[in-house]
């Protein structure tokens, strides 16, 4: 857990947010709406991480509320 807290910050920080935003823009240009939805959800999760920290997302109910493609919402599908 300590390694995750130390290493995850830079990956999910401003650089990760920038990469995800650029990825989302490319998917929009290509017209791939399903993959873009996943990228937008990832952007929301990273923004939430930056504002509230990893402890906020460690609560399972909070993460699954934010993640609109979570397994709890699609139990019959692998997404």
C-alpha atoms as a PDB file:
ATOM      1  CA  UNK A   1       0.000   0.000   0.000  1.00  0.00           C
ATOM      2  CA  UNK A   2       2.893   2.330   0.780  1.00  0.00           C
ATOM      3  CA  UNK A   3       4.389   1.779  -2.684  1.00  0.00           C
ATOM      4  CA  UNK A   4       1.023   2.457  -4.308  1.00  0.00           C
ATOM      5  CA  UNK A   5       0.617   5.703  -2.379  1.00  0.00           C
ATOM      6  CA  UNK A   6       4.152   6.819  -3.350  1.00  0.00           C
ATOM      7  CA  UNK A   7       4.148   5.726  -6.996  1.00  0.00           C
ATOM      8  CA  UNK A   8       0.554   6.332  -7.964  1.00  0.00           C
ATOM      9  CA  UNK A   9       0.628  10.076  -7.321  1.00  0.00           C
ATOM     10  CA  UNK A  10       2.863  11.034 -10.249  1.00  0.00           C
ATOM     11  CA  UNK A  11       1.044   8.640 -12.587  1.00  0.00           C
ATOM     12  CA  UNK A  12      -2.376   9.935 -11.641  1.00  0.00           C
ATOM     13  CA  UNK A  13      -1.210  13.489 -11.209  1.00  0.00           C
ATOM     14  CA  UNK A  14      -1.205  16.324 -13.681  1.00  0.00           C
ATOM     15  CA  UNK A  15       0.786  14.351 -16.269  1.00  0.00           C
ATOM     16  CA  UNK A  16      -1.664  11.451 -16.190  1.00  0.00           C
ATOM     17  CA  UNK A  17      -4.561  13.866 -16.466  1.00  0.00           C
ATOM     18  CA  UNK A  18      -2.922  15.544 -19.467  1.00  0.00           C
ATOM     19  CA  UNK A  19      -2.343  12.179 -21.178  1.00  0.00           C
ATOM     20  CA  UNK A  20      -5.934  11.077 -20.590  1.00  0.00           C
ATOM     21  CA  UNK A  21      -7.284  14.394 -21.885  1.00  0.00           C
ATOM     22  CA  UNK A  22      -5.221  14.104 -25.071  1.00  0.00           C
ATOM     23  CA  UNK A  23      -6.339  10.490 -25.486  1.00  0.00           C
ATOM     24  CA  UNK A  24      -9.969  11.516 -25.055  1.00  0.00           C
ATOM     25  CA  UNK A  25      -9.586  14.265 -27.669  1.00  0.00           C
ATOM     26  CA  UNK A  26      -8.060  11.803 -30.172  1.00  0.00           C
ATOM     27  CA  UNK A  27     -10.911   9.360 -29.621  1.00  0.00           C
ATOM     28  CA  UNK A  28     -13.394  12.175 -30.182  1.00  0.00           C
ATOM     29  CA  UNK A  29     -11.722  13.029 -33.484  1.00  0.00           C
ATOM     30  CA  UNK A  30     -11.834   9.385 -34.563  1.00  0.00           C
ATOM     31  CA  UNK A  31     -15.482   9.031 -33.513  1.00  0.00           C
ATOM     32  CA  UNK A  32     -14.908   6.190 -31.033  1.00  0.00           C
ATOM     33  CA  UNK A  33     -17.556   7.079 -28.478  1.00  0.00           C
ATOM     34  CA  UNK A  34     -17.454   3.880 -26.369  1.00  0.00           C
ATOM     35  CA  UNK A  35     -13.721   4.125 -25.717  1.00  0.00           C
ATOM     36  CA  UNK A  36     -14.075   7.861 -25.118  1.00  0.00           C
ATOM     37  CA  UNK A  37     -16.638   7.194 -22.367  1.00  0.00           C
ATOM     38  CA  UNK A  38     -14.039   5.065 -20.594  1.00  0.00           C
ATOM     39  CA  UNK A  39     -11.423   7.798 -20.979  1.00  0.00           C
ATOM     40  CA  UNK A  40     -13.805  10.412 -19.566  1.00  0.00           C
ATOM     41  CA  UNK A  41     -14.526   8.201 -16.560  1.00  0.00           C
ATOM     42  CA  UNK A  42     -10.785   7.766 -16.018  1.00  0.00           C
ATOM     43  CA  UNK A  43     -10.402  11.558 -16.161  1.00  0.00           C
ATOM     44  CA  UNK A  44     -13.116  11.937 -13.510  1.00  0.00           C
ATOM     45  CA  UNK A  45     -11.394   9.379 -11.279  1.00  0.00           C
ATOM     46  CA  UNK A  46      -8.001  11.115 -11.629  1.00  0.00           C
ATOM     47  CA  UNK A  47      -9.546  14.526 -10.883  1.00  0.00           C
ATOM     48  CA  UNK A  48     -11.217  13.041  -7.822  1.00  0.00           C
ATOM     49  CA  UNK A  49      -7.888  11.552  -6.745  1.00  0.00           C
ATOM     50  CA  UNK A  50      -6.172  14.934  -7.115  1.00  0.00           C
ATOM     51  CA  UNK A  51      -8.864  16.725  -5.104  1.00  0.00           C
ATOM     52  CA  UNK A  52      -9.538  14.176  -2.362  1.00  0.00           C
ATOM     53  CA  UNK A  53      -6.617  11.753  -2.294  1.00  0.00           C
ATOM     54  CA  UNK A  54      -6.319   7.994  -2.512  1.00  0.00           C
ATOM     55  CA  UNK A  55      -8.134   7.379   0.769  1.00  0.00           C
ATOM     56  CA  UNK A  56     -11.327   8.800  -0.726  1.00  0.00           C
ATOM     57  CA  UNK A  57     -11.191   6.364  -3.628  1.00  0.00           C
ATOM     58  CA  UNK A  58     -10.304   3.446  -1.364  1.00  0.00           C
ATOM     59  CA  UNK A  59     -13.904   3.390  -0.157  1.00  0.00           C
ATOM     60  CA  UNK A  60     -15.501   0.864  -2.473  1.00  0.00           C
ATOM     61  CA  UNK A  61     -18.841   2.629  -2.643  1.00  0.00           C
ATOM     62  CA  UNK A  62     -17.243   5.941  -3.649  1.00  0.00           C
ATOM     63  CA  UNK A  63     -15.169   4.358  -6.427  1.00  0.00           C
ATOM     64  CA  UNK A  64     -18.089   2.405  -7.879  1.00  0.00           C
ATOM     65  CA  UNK A  65     -20.312   5.480  -7.702  1.00  0.00           C
ATOM     66  CA  UNK A  66     -17.785   7.419  -9.756  1.00  0.00           C
ATOM     67  CA  UNK A  67     -16.906   4.585 -12.152  1.00  0.00           C
ATOM     68  CA  UNK A  68     -19.930   4.300 -14.410  1.00  0.00           C
ATOM     69  CA  UNK A  69     -18.450   1.193 -16.064  1.00  0.00           C
ATOM     70  CA  UNK A  70     -17.769  -0.703 -12.832  1.00  0.00           C
ATOM     71  CA  UNK A  71     -18.460  -4.433 -12.579  1.00  0.00           C
ATOM     72  CA  UNK A  72     -21.260  -3.748 -10.092  1.00  0.00           C
ATOM     73  CA  UNK A  73     -23.254  -1.912 -12.749  1.00  0.00           C
ATOM     74  CA  UNK A  74     -22.596  -4.534 -15.457  1.00  0.00           C
ATOM     75  CA  UNK A  75     -22.469  -7.883 -13.639  1.00  0.00           C
ATOM     76  CA  UNK A  76     -23.146  -9.916 -16.801  1.00  0.00           C
ATOM     77  CA  UNK A  77     -20.484  -8.239 -18.932  1.00  0.00           C
ATOM     78  CA  UNK A  78     -16.719  -8.060 -18.866  1.00  0.00           C
ATOM     79  CA  UNK A  79     -15.742  -4.443 -19.469  1.00  0.00           C
END
